[in-house]
Structure formats: C-alpha cells, structure tokens
Amino acid sequence: MDHLALLLWHALLVSVFFAFLWRSTAVGRRNLFLKTFLIMVIGGTALGWLMYPFP
C-alpha cells in the first residue's frame, strides 16, 4: 500500500476513536474529528516533505 493511503487510513481511524472517546455531542465529535484528522494529515505530510532531502 502507498504511504499516503496508510497515513490517511491511520488518521481516519485514530480521529474517529478520539472523537467518540472524548466528546459526547455530535457537533463536538465532528469538530474534534476534523481538527485531529487535518492536524495528523497536514502534519505528517509536512514532516515527510521536510525529511525528504535527508537519506
């Protein structure tokens, strides 16, 4: 599998888990899911891009 697909799959599963674990309302769950999902995807992509030039 492609690394980006694995990153997206992991971010999706962890974000759903955290949203249901820490929030009790639907709006709170949605907001936490979006926040954690975007942070993980953007952060992981940025970190990978920054490490790309190094072996």
C-alpha atoms as a PDB file:
ATOM      1  CA  MET A   1       0.000   0.000   0.000  1.00  0.00           C
ATOM      2  CA  ASP A   2       1.057   3.545  -0.616  1.00  0.00           C
ATOM      3  CA  HIS A   3       2.386   5.510   2.353  1.00  0.00           C
ATOM      4  CA  LEU A   4      -0.108   8.327   1.827  1.00  0.00           C
ATOM      5  CA  ALA A   5      -3.021   5.871   1.870  1.00  0.00           C
ATOM      6  CA  LEU A   6      -1.727   4.374   5.108  1.00  0.00           C
ATOM      7  CA  LEU A   7      -1.356   7.853   6.601  1.00  0.00           C
ATOM      8  CA  LEU A   8      -4.950   8.706   5.670  1.00  0.00           C
ATOM      9  CA  TRP A   9      -6.268   5.370   6.989  1.00  0.00           C
ATOM     10  CA  HIS A  10      -4.424   5.779  10.305  1.00  0.00           C
ATOM     11  CA  ALA A  11      -5.532   9.404  10.713  1.00  0.00           C
ATOM     12  CA  LEU A  12      -9.128   8.424   9.974  1.00  0.00           C
ATOM     13  CA  LEU A  13      -9.231   5.581  12.492  1.00  0.00           C
ATOM     14  CA  VAL A  14      -7.471   7.473  15.277  1.00  0.00           C
ATOM     15  CA  SER A  15      -9.588  10.598  14.745  1.00  0.00           C
ATOM     16  CA  VAL A  16     -12.837   8.633  14.888  1.00  0.00           C
ATOM     17  CA  PHE A  17     -11.671   6.841  18.043  1.00  0.00           C
ATOM     18  CA  PHE A  18     -10.677  10.081  19.795  1.00  0.00           C
ATOM     19  CA  ALA A  19     -13.880  11.838  18.732  1.00  0.00           C
ATOM     20  CA  PHE A  20     -16.062   9.119  20.255  1.00  0.00           C
ATOM     21  CA  LEU A  21     -13.854   8.781  23.328  1.00  0.00           C
ATOM     22  CA  TRP A  22     -13.630  12.454  24.301  1.00  0.00           C
ATOM     23  CA  ARG A  23     -16.837  14.107  23.062  1.00  0.00           C
ATOM     24  CA  SER A  24     -20.465  13.291  23.796  1.00  0.00           C
ATOM     25  CA  THR A  25     -22.339  15.524  21.334  1.00  0.00           C
ATOM     26  CA  ALA A  26     -22.451  15.111  17.574  1.00  0.00           C
ATOM     27  CA  VAL A  27     -21.175  18.639  16.942  1.00  0.00           C
ATOM     28  CA  GLY A  28     -18.303  18.187  19.377  1.00  0.00           C
ATOM     29  CA  ARG A  29     -17.366  14.854  17.804  1.00  0.00           C
ATOM     30  CA  ARG A  30     -17.409  16.313  14.308  1.00  0.00           C
ATOM     31  CA  ASN A  31     -15.267  19.281  15.310  1.00  0.00           C
ATOM     32  CA  LEU A  32     -12.717  17.138  17.144  1.00  0.00           C
ATOM     33  CA  PHE A  33     -12.639  14.623  14.279  1.00  0.00           C
ATOM     34  CA  LEU A  34     -11.955  17.313  11.686  1.00  0.00           C
ATOM     35  CA  LYS A  35      -9.342  19.017  13.843  1.00  0.00           C
ATOM     36  CA  THR A  36      -7.390  15.852  14.677  1.00  0.00           C
ATOM     37  CA  PHE A  37      -7.696  14.424  11.163  1.00  0.00           C
ATOM     38  CA  LEU A  38      -6.412  17.584   9.499  1.00  0.00           C
ATOM     39  CA  ILE A  39      -3.607  18.036  12.030  1.00  0.00           C
ATOM     40  CA  MET A  40      -2.395  14.466  11.501  1.00  0.00           C
ATOM     41  CA  VAL A  41      -2.623  14.558   7.706  1.00  0.00           C
ATOM     42  CA  ILE A  42      -1.115  18.016   7.235  1.00  0.00           C
ATOM     43  CA  GLY A  43       1.484  17.480   9.958  1.00  0.00           C
ATOM     44  CA  GLY A  44       2.519  14.073   8.632  1.00  0.00           C
ATOM     45  CA  THR A  45       2.746  15.333   5.071  1.00  0.00           C
ATOM     46  CA  ALA A  46       4.750  18.395   6.127  1.00  0.00           C
ATOM     47  CA  LEU A  47       7.115  16.309   8.232  1.00  0.00           C
ATOM     48  CA  GLY A  48       7.632  13.850   5.385  1.00  0.00           C
ATOM     49  CA  TRP A  49       8.270  16.697   2.967  1.00  0.00           C
ATOM     50  CA  LEU A  50      10.806  18.254   5.338  1.00  0.00           C
ATOM     51  CA  MET A  51      12.647  14.926   5.796  1.00  0.00           C
ATOM     52  CA  TYR A  52      12.654  14.110   2.060  1.00  0.00           C
ATOM     53  CA  PRO A  53      16.128  15.563   1.268  1.00  0.00           C
ATOM     54  CA  PHE A  54      17.783  13.524   4.006  1.00  0.00           C
ATOM     55  CA  PRO A  55      18.638   9.849   3.436  1.00  0.00           C
END
